[in-house]
Amino acid sequence: MTDERPPEGASEPNAETTGAPPAAEDATSPAMPAYAPPAYTPPPVPPPAMPQPAMAQPAVAWEAPSASAPTKGRRTALSLAAGILLVLLGILGGLIGLLIITVGREFATQFNFANLPGFEGGDPSEIVGSVVTFVGIVLLVFSTFYIVGGVGVMRSSNWGRVIGIVIGILATLFWLASFAGSGQVGSASGRQGGEAFALVLIVIHAYIALALLFFWRTRGSSA
């Protein structure tokens, strides 16, 4: 049988309509490359650290714990009261000393001592004024020691304590002698007044001496 060609102008039969199998792909077309996963590169491993030589520990000698010094006790309230009394007595004595120097000397210079026996010759007013001034100055000096000692006691100073003890003992002895001599005063009212004044000062100064001697500080604690 001869192949008959379709007439011109007629469409060529389609492979799908004619039932003919599709033509095979061209053998010359390039093949698709196969998928290859990327190669895994492990991270670099650091070299092992070189062991350091062990440092020799210095030998420490054992020492016994040092004994701590005992702490000082605090100043007692009795000694503080003694210091306050010293300051008050010093202020009072200083005021009396200034009064004696100013008012007492002026009174002595204006008073007429010419008619009194034993003042013949010289100016008796000047002599009495000088004596009064000397007494006032001595009282001021003693009052200064009172104030200095009292301030030292209030500041817990040992030198203040020593000054307070000396003042307390000497003043107690002085006012004891004054108390014993007050019985020789002529009038009864003057004798009683002198004894009461001396007795009060004896008690105050005895308290100062005893408080600073035996009740200066509390007992210290040893840690």
N, C-alpha and C. Protein backbone atom coordinates (compact mmCIF):
# COMPACT_ATOMS: atom_id res chain seq x y z
N MET A 1 0.83 -1.21 0.00
CA MET A 1 0.00 0.00 0.00
C MET A 1 0.84 1.24 0.00
N THR A 2 0.45 2.13 -0.76
CA THR A 2 1.21 3.38 -0.81
C THR A 2 0.68 4.36 0.19
N ASP A 3 1.65 5.14 0.76
CA ASP A 3 1.24 6.17 1.74
C ASP A 3 0.55 7.28 0.99
N GLU A 4 -0.57 7.60 1.50
CA GLU A 4 -1.31 8.70 0.91
C GLU A 4 -1.11 9.94 1.77
N ARG A 5 -0.83 10.95 1.14
CA ARG A 5 -0.64 12.21 1.84
C ARG A 5 -1.95 12.94 1.86
N PRO A 6 -2.21 13.64 2.92
CA PRO A 6 -3.43 14.42 2.98
C PRO A 6 -3.36 15.57 2.03
N PRO A 7 -4.44 15.92 1.58
CA PRO A 7 -4.45 17.04 0.64
C PRO A 7 -3.98 18.30 1.32
N GLU A 8 -3.50 19.16 0.45
CA GLU A 8 -2.99 20.45 0.98
C GLU A 8 -4.14 21.23 1.54
N GLY A 9 -3.80 21.94 2.63
CA GLY A 9 -4.78 22.74 3.34
C GLY A 9 -5.49 22.00 4.43
N ALA A 10 -5.33 20.70 4.42
CA ALA A 10 -5.95 19.92 5.51
C ALA A 10 -4.97 19.80 6.65
N SER A 11 -5.47 19.84 7.86
CA SER A 11 -4.60 19.75 9.05
C SER A 11 -4.13 18.36 9.22
N GLU A 12 -2.89 18.30 9.72
CA GLU A 12 -2.28 16.99 9.96
C GLU A 12 -2.92 16.37 11.16
N PRO A 13 -3.13 15.07 11.08
CA PRO A 13 -3.75 14.39 12.23
C PRO A 13 -2.89 14.48 13.46
N ASN A 14 -3.52 14.77 14.65
CA ASN A 14 -2.83 14.88 15.96
C ASN A 14 -2.60 13.50 16.48
N ALA A 15 -1.50 13.36 17.18
CA ALA A 15 -1.15 12.05 17.73
C ALA A 15 -2.13 11.62 18.76
N GLU A 16 -2.68 12.63 19.56
CA GLU A 16 -3.60 12.26 20.62
C GLU A 16 -4.91 11.78 20.02
N THR A 17 -5.38 12.35 18.80
CA THR A 17 -6.64 11.96 18.20
C THR A 17 -6.54 10.69 17.43
N THR A 18 -5.41 10.46 16.94
CA THR A 18 -5.22 9.24 16.16
C THR A 18 -4.92 8.06 17.02
N GLY A 19 -4.55 8.31 18.36
CA GLY A 19 -4.23 7.20 19.26
C GLY A 19 -2.84 6.69 19.12
N ALA A 20 -2.01 7.37 18.37
CA ALA A 20 -0.61 6.95 18.21
C ALA A 20 0.17 7.35 19.42
N PRO A 21 1.13 6.58 19.90
CA PRO A 21 1.95 6.90 21.07
C PRO A 21 2.80 8.10 20.79
N PRO A 22 3.09 8.92 21.87
CA PRO A 22 3.92 10.10 21.68
C PRO A 22 5.33 9.71 21.32
N ALA A 23 5.87 10.56 20.52
CA ALA A 23 7.25 10.29 20.09
C ALA A 23 8.19 10.37 21.28
N ALA A 24 9.15 9.57 21.31
CA ALA A 24 10.16 9.57 22.39
C ALA A 24 10.96 10.85 22.38
N GLU A 25 11.35 11.26 23.62
CA GLU A 25 12.13 12.49 23.74
C GLU A 25 13.45 12.34 23.04
N ASP A 26 13.89 13.43 22.62
CA ASP A 26 15.14 13.42 21.91
C ASP A 26 16.25 12.93 22.80
N ALA A 27 16.93 11.92 22.31
CA ALA A 27 18.00 11.32 23.13
C ALA A 27 19.15 12.27 23.33
N THR A 28 19.22 13.27 22.54
CA THR A 28 20.36 14.20 22.64
C THR A 28 20.15 15.30 23.66
N SER A 29 18.90 15.43 24.31
CA SER A 29 18.68 16.50 25.30
C SER A 29 19.49 16.23 26.56
N PRO A 30 20.08 17.27 27.22
CA PRO A 30 20.96 17.03 28.41
C PRO A 30 20.15 16.55 29.60
N ALA A 31 20.71 15.60 30.36
CA ALA A 31 20.04 15.05 31.55
C ALA A 31 20.21 16.00 32.73
N MET A 32 19.19 16.12 33.65
CA MET A 32 19.25 16.95 34.85
C MET A 32 20.24 16.36 35.84
N PRO A 33 21.15 17.20 36.45
CA PRO A 33 22.12 16.64 37.41
C PRO A 33 21.41 16.21 38.71
N ALA A 34 21.89 15.16 39.37
CA ALA A 34 21.31 14.66 40.64
C ALA A 34 21.69 15.60 41.79
N TYR A 35 20.75 15.77 42.82
CA TYR A 35 20.99 16.66 43.97
C TYR A 35 21.97 15.99 44.93
N ALA A 36 22.99 16.72 45.24
CA ALA A 36 23.99 16.22 46.20
C ALA A 36 24.02 17.17 47.41
N PRO A 37 23.81 16.66 48.66
CA PRO A 37 23.86 17.53 49.86
C PRO A 37 25.26 18.07 50.08
N PRO A 38 25.35 19.31 50.70
CA PRO A 38 26.70 19.87 50.94
C PRO A 38 27.46 19.04 51.97
N ALA A 39 28.73 19.00 51.73
CA ALA A 39 29.58 18.21 52.63
C ALA A 39 29.69 18.91 53.99
N TYR A 40 29.62 18.17 55.14
CA TYR A 40 29.70 18.70 56.51
C TYR A 40 31.15 18.81 56.92
N THR A 41 31.51 20.03 57.31
CA THR A 41 32.88 20.27 57.78
C THR A 41 32.85 20.46 59.29
N PRO A 42 33.44 19.60 60.08
CA PRO A 42 33.42 19.77 61.55
C PRO A 42 34.21 21.00 61.96
N PRO A 43 33.78 21.67 63.08
CA PRO A 43 34.53 22.87 63.54
C PRO A 43 35.91 22.48 64.03
N PRO A 44 36.82 23.45 63.96
CA PRO A 44 38.19 23.12 64.40
C PRO A 44 38.24 22.89 65.91
N VAL A 45 38.95 21.92 66.32
CA VAL A 45 39.11 21.58 67.73
C VAL A 45 40.37 22.25 68.26
N PRO A 46 40.22 23.10 69.36
CA PRO A 46 41.46 23.74 69.88
C PRO A 46 42.40 22.71 70.47
N PRO A 47 43.65 23.03 70.42
CA PRO A 47 44.61 22.06 70.99
C PRO A 47 44.45 21.99 72.50
N PRO A 48 44.71 20.88 73.09
CA PRO A 48 44.56 20.75 74.56
C PRO A 48 45.53 21.68 75.28
N ALA A 49 44.99 22.31 76.37
CA ALA A 49 45.81 23.24 77.15
C ALA A 49 46.91 22.48 77.88
N MET A 50 48.06 23.14 77.90
CA MET A 50 49.19 22.53 78.60
C MET A 50 48.99 22.69 80.09
N PRO A 51 49.18 21.67 80.85
CA PRO A 51 49.01 21.78 82.32
C PRO A 51 50.04 22.74 82.92
N GLN A 52 49.54 23.65 83.76
CA GLN A 52 50.42 24.60 84.44
C GLN A 52 51.07 23.93 85.64
N PRO A 53 52.31 24.28 85.87
CA PRO A 53 52.95 23.68 87.06
C PRO A 53 52.32 24.21 88.35
N ALA A 54 52.12 23.39 89.29
CA ALA A 54 51.49 23.77 90.56
C ALA A 54 52.39 24.75 91.32
N MET A 55 51.77 25.86 91.81
CA MET A 55 52.52 26.85 92.58
C MET A 55 52.71 26.34 94.00
N ALA A 56 53.90 26.49 94.46
CA ALA A 56 54.20 26.04 95.82
C ALA A 56 53.59 27.01 96.83
N GLN A 57 52.78 26.52 97.76
CA GLN A 57 52.18 27.34 98.78
C GLN A 57 53.21 27.67 99.87
N PRO A 58 53.27 28.99 100.23
CA PRO A 58 54.24 29.32 101.29
C PRO A 58 53.82 28.71 102.62
N ALA A 59 54.80 28.29 103.34
CA ALA A 59 54.53 27.68 104.64
C ALA A 59 54.14 28.78 105.64
N VAL A 60 53.05 28.60 106.31
CA VAL A 60 52.55 29.56 107.30
C VAL A 60 52.74 28.96 108.68
N ALA A 61 53.48 29.70 109.48
CA ALA A 61 53.71 29.21 110.84
C ALA A 61 52.49 29.52 111.71
N TRP A 62 52.13 28.61 112.55
CA TRP A 62 50.97 28.81 113.41
C TRP A 62 51.34 29.70 114.57
N GLU A 63 50.50 30.68 114.81
CA GLU A 63 50.73 31.60 115.91
C GLU A 63 49.52 31.57 116.84
N ALA A 64 49.83 31.63 118.08
CA ALA A 64 48.75 31.66 119.07
C ALA A 64 48.03 32.99 119.00
N PRO A 65 46.71 33.03 119.11
CA PRO A 65 45.98 34.30 119.06
C PRO A 65 46.39 35.22 120.20
N SER A 66 46.63 36.48 119.81
CA SER A 66 47.07 37.45 120.81
C SER A 66 45.91 37.81 121.73
N ALA A 67 46.23 37.92 122.98
CA ALA A 67 45.19 38.28 123.96
C ALA A 67 44.86 39.76 123.83
N SER A 68 43.60 40.08 123.64
CA SER A 68 43.17 41.47 123.48
C SER A 68 43.22 42.19 124.83
N ALA A 69 43.61 43.45 124.73
CA ALA A 69 43.73 44.25 125.95
C ALA A 69 42.34 44.51 126.54
N PRO A 70 42.22 44.48 127.84
CA PRO A 70 40.90 44.75 128.44
C PRO A 70 40.46 46.19 128.18
N THR A 71 39.20 46.34 127.92
CA THR A 71 38.65 47.67 127.64
C THR A 71 38.48 48.47 128.92
N LYS A 72 38.63 49.78 128.79
CA LYS A 72 38.49 50.66 129.94
C LYS A 72 37.03 50.79 130.33
N GLY A 73 36.83 50.87 131.64
CA GLY A 73 35.48 51.11 132.11
C GLY A 73 35.06 52.56 131.88
N ARG A 74 33.77 52.77 131.85
CA ARG A 74 33.25 54.12 131.63
C ARG A 74 33.20 54.88 132.95
N ARG A 75 33.22 56.22 132.82
CA ARG A 75 33.13 57.07 134.00
C ARG A 75 31.75 56.90 134.64
N THR A 76 31.76 56.83 135.96
CA THR A 76 30.50 56.60 136.67
C THR A 76 29.72 57.91 136.81
N ALA A 77 28.44 57.77 137.14
CA ALA A 77 27.61 58.96 137.36
C ALA A 77 28.03 59.70 138.63
N LEU A 78 28.56 58.96 139.62
CA LEU A 78 29.02 59.62 140.84
C LEU A 78 30.21 60.53 140.58
N SER A 79 31.15 60.06 139.77
CA SER A 79 32.30 60.91 139.44
C SER A 79 31.88 62.09 138.56
N LEU A 80 30.91 61.88 137.68
CA LEU A 80 30.42 63.00 136.87
C LEU A 80 29.79 64.07 137.76
N ALA A 81 29.01 63.64 138.76
CA ALA A 81 28.42 64.61 139.69
C ALA A 81 29.50 65.35 140.46
N ALA A 82 30.60 64.66 140.82
CA ALA A 82 31.70 65.33 141.50
C ALA A 82 32.34 66.39 140.61
N GLY A 83 32.49 66.09 139.31
CA GLY A 83 33.03 67.09 138.39
C GLY A 83 32.12 68.30 138.26
N ILE A 84 30.82 68.07 138.20
CA ILE A 84 29.88 69.19 138.11
C ILE A 84 29.95 70.06 139.37
N LEU A 85 30.05 69.42 140.53
CA LEU A 85 30.17 70.19 141.77
C LEU A 85 31.44 71.04 141.79
N LEU A 86 32.53 70.48 141.28
CA LEU A 86 33.77 71.25 141.23
C LEU A 86 33.61 72.49 140.35
N VAL A 87 32.97 72.33 139.20
CA VAL A 87 32.78 73.48 138.32
C VAL A 87 31.88 74.52 138.97
N LEU A 88 30.80 74.09 139.59
CA LEU A 88 29.89 75.03 140.24
C LEU A 88 30.57 75.78 141.39
N LEU A 89 31.32 75.04 142.21
CA LEU A 89 32.04 75.70 143.30
C LEU A 89 33.09 76.67 142.76
N GLY A 90 33.74 76.30 141.65
CA GLY A 90 34.73 77.20 141.06
C GLY A 90 34.09 78.47 140.52
N ILE A 91 32.94 78.35 139.87
CA ILE A 91 32.26 79.55 139.36
C ILE A 91 31.81 80.44 140.52
N LEU A 92 31.24 79.80 141.55
CA LEU A 92 30.80 80.58 142.71
C LEU A 92 31.96 81.28 143.41
N GLY A 93 33.06 80.55 143.59
CA GLY A 93 34.24 81.16 144.22
C GLY A 93 34.83 82.27 143.38
N GLY A 94 34.83 82.10 142.03
CA GLY A 94 35.34 83.15 141.17
C GLY A 94 34.53 84.42 141.25
N LEU A 95 33.20 84.28 141.31
CA LEU A 95 32.34 85.46 141.45
C LEU A 95 32.58 86.17 142.78
N ILE A 96 32.74 85.38 143.85
CA ILE A 96 32.99 86.00 145.16
C ILE A 96 34.35 86.70 145.17
N GLY A 97 35.36 86.06 144.50
CA GLY A 97 36.68 86.69 144.43
C GLY A 97 36.64 88.01 143.67
N LEU A 98 35.91 88.06 142.56
CA LEU A 98 35.78 89.33 141.82
C LEU A 98 35.04 90.37 142.65
N LEU A 99 34.04 89.91 143.39
CA LEU A 99 33.30 90.84 144.24
C LEU A 99 34.20 91.42 145.34
N ILE A 100 35.04 90.57 145.92
CA ILE A 100 35.95 91.05 146.97
C ILE A 100 36.96 92.05 146.41
N ILE A 101 37.49 91.75 145.19
CA ILE A 101 38.50 92.63 144.61
C ILE A 101 37.92 94.00 144.26
N THR A 102 36.72 94.01 143.74
CA THR A 102 36.13 95.29 143.28
C THR A 102 35.42 96.03 144.41
N VAL A 103 34.37 95.40 144.93
CA VAL A 103 33.56 96.07 145.94
C VAL A 103 34.30 96.16 147.27
N GLY A 104 34.96 95.07 147.68
CA GLY A 104 35.67 95.06 148.96
C GLY A 104 36.79 96.07 149.02
N ARG A 105 37.55 96.18 147.94
CA ARG A 105 38.65 97.16 147.94
C ARG A 105 38.10 98.58 147.98
N GLU A 106 37.02 98.83 147.24
CA GLU A 106 36.43 100.17 147.24
C GLU A 106 35.90 100.52 148.63
N PHE A 107 35.30 99.54 149.28
CA PHE A 107 34.80 99.79 150.64
C PHE A 107 35.94 100.06 151.60
N ALA A 108 37.05 99.31 151.45
CA ALA A 108 38.19 99.48 152.35
C ALA A 108 38.84 100.85 152.18
N THR A 109 38.89 101.35 150.96
CA THR A 109 39.53 102.65 150.73
C THR A 109 38.67 103.81 151.22
N GLN A 110 37.35 103.62 151.25
CA GLN A 110 36.46 104.70 151.69
C GLN A 110 36.18 104.67 153.20
N PHE A 111 36.48 103.56 153.83
CA PHE A 111 36.21 103.47 155.27
C PHE A 111 37.32 104.16 156.04
N ASN A 112 36.96 104.83 157.13
CA ASN A 112 37.91 105.56 157.94
C ASN A 112 38.41 104.65 159.06
N PHE A 113 39.66 104.21 158.89
CA PHE A 113 40.26 103.34 159.90
C PHE A 113 41.15 104.12 160.88
N ALA A 114 41.15 105.43 160.79
CA ALA A 114 42.08 106.22 161.63
C ALA A 114 41.71 106.14 163.10
N ASN A 115 40.42 105.98 163.41
CA ASN A 115 40.00 105.95 164.81
C ASN A 115 40.14 104.57 165.45
N LEU A 116 40.46 103.57 164.67
CA LEU A 116 40.62 102.21 165.22
C LEU A 116 42.00 102.07 165.81
N PRO A 117 42.11 101.37 166.95
CA PRO A 117 43.44 101.18 167.55
C PRO A 117 44.30 100.24 166.71
N GLY A 118 45.58 100.51 166.73
CA GLY A 118 46.53 99.67 166.00
C GLY A 118 46.77 100.12 164.59
N PHE A 119 46.21 101.22 164.16
CA PHE A 119 46.42 101.71 162.80
C PHE A 119 47.15 103.06 162.80
N GLU A 120 47.96 103.27 163.84
CA GLU A 120 48.72 104.51 163.87
C GLU A 120 49.85 104.43 162.86
N GLY A 121 50.02 105.52 162.12
CA GLY A 121 51.09 105.57 161.14
C GLY A 121 50.68 104.90 159.84
N GLY A 122 50.97 105.54 158.76
CA GLY A 122 50.63 105.01 157.45
C GLY A 122 49.16 105.23 157.13
N ASP A 123 48.78 104.73 155.99
CA ASP A 123 47.40 104.86 155.54
C ASP A 123 46.69 103.53 155.78
N PRO A 124 45.81 103.45 156.79
CA PRO A 124 45.16 102.18 157.08
C PRO A 124 44.24 101.71 155.96
N SER A 125 43.65 102.64 155.22
CA SER A 125 42.76 102.24 154.12
C SER A 125 43.52 101.49 153.03
N GLU A 126 44.72 101.96 152.73
CA GLU A 126 45.52 101.28 151.71
C GLU A 126 45.94 99.89 152.17
N ILE A 127 46.28 99.79 153.46
CA ILE A 127 46.69 98.48 153.98
C ILE A 127 45.53 97.49 153.91
N VAL A 128 44.37 97.91 154.38
CA VAL A 128 43.21 97.02 154.35
C VAL A 128 42.81 96.70 152.91
N GLY A 129 42.89 97.71 152.02
CA GLY A 129 42.56 97.46 150.61
C GLY A 129 43.49 96.44 149.98
N SER A 130 44.79 96.50 150.33
CA SER A 130 45.75 95.54 149.78
C SER A 130 45.46 94.13 150.28
N VAL A 131 45.11 94.03 151.59
CA VAL A 131 44.79 92.71 152.15
C VAL A 131 43.54 92.13 151.47
N VAL A 132 42.54 92.97 151.28
CA VAL A 132 41.31 92.50 150.63
C VAL A 132 41.57 92.06 149.20
N THR A 133 42.38 92.80 148.48
CA THR A 133 42.73 92.44 147.10
C THR A 133 43.47 91.11 147.05
N PHE A 134 44.40 90.91 147.99
CA PHE A 134 45.15 89.65 148.03
C PHE A 134 44.21 88.46 148.27
N VAL A 135 43.27 88.65 149.19
CA VAL A 135 42.31 87.57 149.47
C VAL A 135 41.48 87.25 148.22
N GLY A 136 41.06 88.29 147.51
CA GLY A 136 40.28 88.07 146.29
C GLY A 136 41.06 87.35 145.21
N ILE A 137 42.35 87.71 145.08
CA ILE A 137 43.19 87.04 144.06
C ILE A 137 43.40 85.57 144.41
N VAL A 138 43.66 85.29 145.70
CA VAL A 138 43.84 83.89 146.12
C VAL A 138 42.57 83.09 145.84
N LEU A 139 41.43 83.68 146.11
CA LEU A 139 40.16 82.99 145.87
C LEU A 139 39.95 82.74 144.37
N LEU A 140 40.37 83.68 143.54
CA LEU A 140 40.27 83.48 142.09
C LEU A 140 41.17 82.35 141.61
N VAL A 141 42.37 82.26 142.17
CA VAL A 141 43.30 81.20 141.78
C VAL A 141 42.74 79.82 142.15
N PHE A 142 42.24 79.71 143.39
CA PHE A 142 41.66 78.44 143.81
C PHE A 142 40.42 78.09 142.97
N SER A 143 39.63 79.09 142.64
CA SER A 143 38.45 78.84 141.81
C SER A 143 38.84 78.34 140.42
N THR A 144 39.96 78.85 139.90
CA THR A 144 40.44 78.36 138.59
C THR A 144 40.79 76.88 138.66
N PHE A 145 41.45 76.45 139.74
CA PHE A 145 41.76 75.03 139.90
C PHE A 145 40.48 74.20 140.01
N TYR A 146 39.50 74.72 140.69
CA TYR A 146 38.22 74.01 140.79
C TYR A 146 37.62 73.78 139.39
N ILE A 147 37.58 74.84 138.60
CA ILE A 147 36.95 74.74 137.27
C ILE A 147 37.75 73.81 136.36
N VAL A 148 39.08 73.95 136.36
CA VAL A 148 39.92 73.09 135.51
C VAL A 148 39.77 71.62 135.91
N GLY A 149 39.82 71.36 137.23
CA GLY A 149 39.66 69.98 137.67
C GLY A 149 38.28 69.42 137.34
N GLY A 150 37.24 70.25 137.50
CA GLY A 150 35.90 69.77 137.18
C GLY A 150 35.73 69.46 135.70
N VAL A 151 36.28 70.31 134.83
CA VAL A 151 36.20 70.04 133.40
C VAL A 151 36.96 68.77 133.04
N GLY A 152 38.13 68.57 133.67
CA GLY A 152 38.88 67.34 133.42
C GLY A 152 38.13 66.10 133.87
N VAL A 153 37.45 66.18 134.99
CA VAL A 153 36.66 65.03 135.46
C VAL A 153 35.51 64.74 134.49
N MET A 154 34.83 65.76 134.02
CA MET A 154 33.72 65.56 133.08
C MET A 154 34.19 65.00 131.74
N ARG A 155 35.45 65.25 131.40
CA ARG A 155 36.01 64.70 130.16
C ARG A 155 36.75 63.39 130.40
N SER A 156 36.59 62.81 131.58
CA SER A 156 37.18 61.51 131.93
C SER A 156 38.70 61.51 131.85
N SER A 157 39.32 62.63 132.20
CA SER A 157 40.77 62.74 132.18
C SER A 157 41.34 62.41 133.55
N ASN A 158 42.46 61.69 133.55
CA ASN A 158 43.09 61.32 134.83
C ASN A 158 43.65 62.54 135.55
N TRP A 159 44.17 63.52 134.78
CA TRP A 159 44.70 64.71 135.45
C TRP A 159 43.58 65.48 136.15
N GLY A 160 42.40 65.49 135.56
CA GLY A 160 41.27 66.13 136.23
C GLY A 160 40.89 65.41 137.50
N ARG A 161 40.98 64.09 137.46
CA ARG A 161 40.68 63.30 138.66
C ARG A 161 41.68 63.62 139.77
N VAL A 162 42.97 63.71 139.42
CA VAL A 162 43.99 64.01 140.44
C VAL A 162 43.74 65.38 141.06
N ILE A 163 43.46 66.38 140.21
CA ILE A 163 43.19 67.73 140.75
C ILE A 163 41.97 67.70 141.66
N GLY A 164 40.92 66.98 141.26
CA GLY A 164 39.72 66.91 142.08
C GLY A 164 39.95 66.23 143.42
N ILE A 165 40.78 65.17 143.42
CA ILE A 165 41.07 64.48 144.69
C ILE A 165 41.85 65.39 145.63
N VAL A 166 42.85 66.08 145.09
CA VAL A 166 43.66 66.98 145.94
C VAL A 166 42.78 68.10 146.50
N ILE A 167 41.94 68.69 145.66
CA ILE A 167 41.06 69.76 146.14
C ILE A 167 40.10 69.23 147.19
N GLY A 168 39.52 68.05 146.95
CA GLY A 168 38.56 67.50 147.90
C GLY A 168 39.17 67.24 149.28
N ILE A 169 40.40 66.68 149.28
CA ILE A 169 41.03 66.35 150.57
C ILE A 169 41.44 67.63 151.31
N LEU A 170 42.12 68.56 150.59
CA LEU A 170 42.59 69.78 151.25
C LEU A 170 41.43 70.65 151.73
N ALA A 171 40.39 70.78 150.91
CA ALA A 171 39.25 71.60 151.32
C ALA A 171 38.48 70.98 152.47
N THR A 172 38.41 69.66 152.50
CA THR A 172 37.74 69.00 153.64
C THR A 172 38.48 69.28 154.94
N LEU A 173 39.80 69.18 154.89
CA LEU A 173 40.59 69.47 156.10
C LEU A 173 40.46 70.93 156.51
N PHE A 174 40.45 71.83 155.51
CA PHE A 174 40.34 73.26 155.84
C PHE A 174 38.99 73.56 156.50
N TRP A 175 37.91 73.04 155.94
CA TRP A 175 36.60 73.35 156.52
C TRP A 175 36.33 72.59 157.81
N LEU A 176 37.03 71.46 158.01
CA LEU A 176 36.96 70.81 159.32
C LEU A 176 37.56 71.71 160.40
N ALA A 177 38.73 72.30 160.07
CA ALA A 177 39.34 73.23 161.02
C ALA A 177 38.46 74.46 161.24
N SER A 178 37.81 74.93 160.17
CA SER A 178 36.91 76.07 160.32
C SER A 178 35.69 75.70 161.15
N PHE A 179 35.20 74.48 160.99
CA PHE A 179 34.05 74.04 161.77
C PHE A 179 34.42 73.93 163.26
N ALA A 180 35.64 73.44 163.51
CA ALA A 180 36.07 73.33 164.91
C ALA A 180 36.29 74.71 165.53
N GLY A 181 36.74 75.67 164.75
CA GLY A 181 36.99 77.01 165.30
C GLY A 181 35.76 77.88 165.33
N SER A 182 34.67 77.44 164.70
CA SER A 182 33.47 78.27 164.71
C SER A 182 32.82 78.34 166.09
N GLY A 183 33.16 77.44 167.01
CA GLY A 183 32.61 77.48 168.35
C GLY A 183 33.12 78.64 169.17
N GLN A 184 34.20 79.27 168.69
CA GLN A 184 34.77 80.39 169.44
C GLN A 184 34.12 81.73 169.08
N VAL A 185 33.17 81.70 168.16
CA VAL A 185 32.48 82.94 167.79
C VAL A 185 31.62 83.39 168.96
N GLY A 186 31.58 84.70 169.21
CA GLY A 186 30.88 85.22 170.38
C GLY A 186 29.38 84.98 170.36
N SER A 187 28.70 85.43 169.30
CA SER A 187 27.24 85.34 169.27
C SER A 187 26.79 83.94 168.87
N ALA A 188 25.65 83.55 169.39
CA ALA A 188 25.13 82.21 169.09
C ALA A 188 24.67 82.11 167.64
N SER A 189 24.05 83.18 167.12
CA SER A 189 23.58 83.13 165.72
C SER A 189 24.74 83.04 164.75
N GLY A 190 25.82 83.80 165.03
CA GLY A 190 27.00 83.72 164.17
C GLY A 190 27.66 82.37 164.25
N ARG A 191 27.69 81.79 165.44
CA ARG A 191 28.30 80.46 165.58
C ARG A 191 27.50 79.41 164.82
N GLN A 192 26.19 79.45 164.92
CA GLN A 192 25.37 78.46 164.23
C GLN A 192 25.47 78.61 162.70
N GLY A 193 25.50 79.86 162.25
CA GLY A 193 25.62 80.09 160.81
C GLY A 193 26.95 79.61 160.26
N GLY A 194 28.04 79.89 161.00
CA GLY A 194 29.37 79.43 160.57
C GLY A 194 29.49 77.92 160.58
N GLU A 195 28.91 77.28 161.59
CA GLU A 195 28.97 75.83 161.65
C GLU A 195 28.19 75.18 160.51
N ALA A 196 27.02 75.72 160.21
CA ALA A 196 26.20 75.15 159.13
C ALA A 196 26.90 75.31 157.78
N PHE A 197 27.47 76.49 157.53
CA PHE A 197 28.17 76.72 156.26
C PHE A 197 29.38 75.80 156.12
N ALA A 198 30.16 75.69 157.20
CA ALA A 198 31.33 74.82 157.15
C ALA A 198 30.93 73.36 156.99
N LEU A 199 29.84 72.94 157.64
CA LEU A 199 29.41 71.55 157.55
C LEU A 199 28.97 71.20 156.14
N VAL A 200 28.28 72.12 155.47
CA VAL A 200 27.85 71.86 154.08
C VAL A 200 29.05 71.70 153.17
N LEU A 201 30.04 72.57 153.32
CA LEU A 201 31.23 72.46 152.47
C LEU A 201 32.05 71.22 152.81
N ILE A 202 32.06 70.80 154.07
CA ILE A 202 32.76 69.56 154.43
C ILE A 202 32.12 68.37 153.71
N VAL A 203 30.80 68.30 153.72
CA VAL A 203 30.10 67.18 153.07
C VAL A 203 30.36 67.18 151.57
N ILE A 204 30.31 68.37 150.95
CA ILE A 204 30.50 68.44 149.50
C ILE A 204 31.90 68.00 149.10
N HIS A 205 32.92 68.51 149.79
CA HIS A 205 34.29 68.18 149.41
C HIS A 205 34.64 66.73 149.77
N ALA A 206 34.08 66.21 150.87
CA ALA A 206 34.31 64.80 151.18
C ALA A 206 33.69 63.90 150.11
N TYR A 207 32.52 64.27 149.64
CA TYR A 207 31.89 63.50 148.56
C TYR A 207 32.75 63.52 147.30
N ILE A 208 33.29 64.69 146.97
CA ILE A 208 34.14 64.79 145.78
C ILE A 208 35.35 63.88 145.89
N ALA A 209 36.02 63.92 147.05
CA ALA A 209 37.22 63.09 147.22
C ALA A 209 36.88 61.60 147.18
N LEU A 210 35.81 61.18 147.84
CA LEU A 210 35.46 59.76 147.87
C LEU A 210 34.99 59.27 146.51
N ALA A 211 34.20 60.08 145.79
CA ALA A 211 33.70 59.66 144.48
C ALA A 211 34.84 59.49 143.48
N LEU A 212 35.81 60.40 143.52
CA LEU A 212 36.92 60.29 142.57
C LEU A 212 37.94 59.24 142.98
N LEU A 213 38.01 58.91 144.25
CA LEU A 213 38.94 57.89 144.71
C LEU A 213 38.42 56.47 144.45
N PHE A 214 37.17 56.23 144.76
CA PHE A 214 36.65 54.86 144.77
C PHE A 214 35.56 54.59 143.72
N PHE A 215 35.04 55.62 143.10
CA PHE A 215 33.96 55.40 142.13
C PHE A 215 34.26 56.15 140.83
N TRP A 216 35.51 56.06 140.39
CA TRP A 216 35.94 56.81 139.20
C TRP A 216 35.38 56.18 137.93
N ARG A 217 35.59 54.88 137.74
CA ARG A 217 35.14 54.20 136.53
C ARG A 217 34.46 52.89 136.87
N THR A 218 33.66 52.40 135.94
CA THR A 218 33.12 51.06 136.08
C THR A 218 34.20 50.04 135.74
N ARG A 219 33.97 48.79 136.08
CA ARG A 219 34.95 47.75 135.80
C ARG A 219 35.01 47.46 134.30
N GLY A 220 36.23 47.41 133.77
CA GLY A 220 36.41 47.13 132.34
C GLY A 220 36.19 45.66 132.04
N SER A 221 35.77 45.38 130.81
CA SER A 221 35.53 44.00 130.35
C SER A 221 36.65 43.57 129.44
N SER A 222 37.15 42.35 129.66
CA SER A 222 38.23 41.81 128.82
C SER A 222 37.61 40.97 127.73
N ALA A 223 37.93 41.30 126.44
CA ALA A 223 37.36 40.57 125.31
C ALA A 223 38.13 39.28 125.08
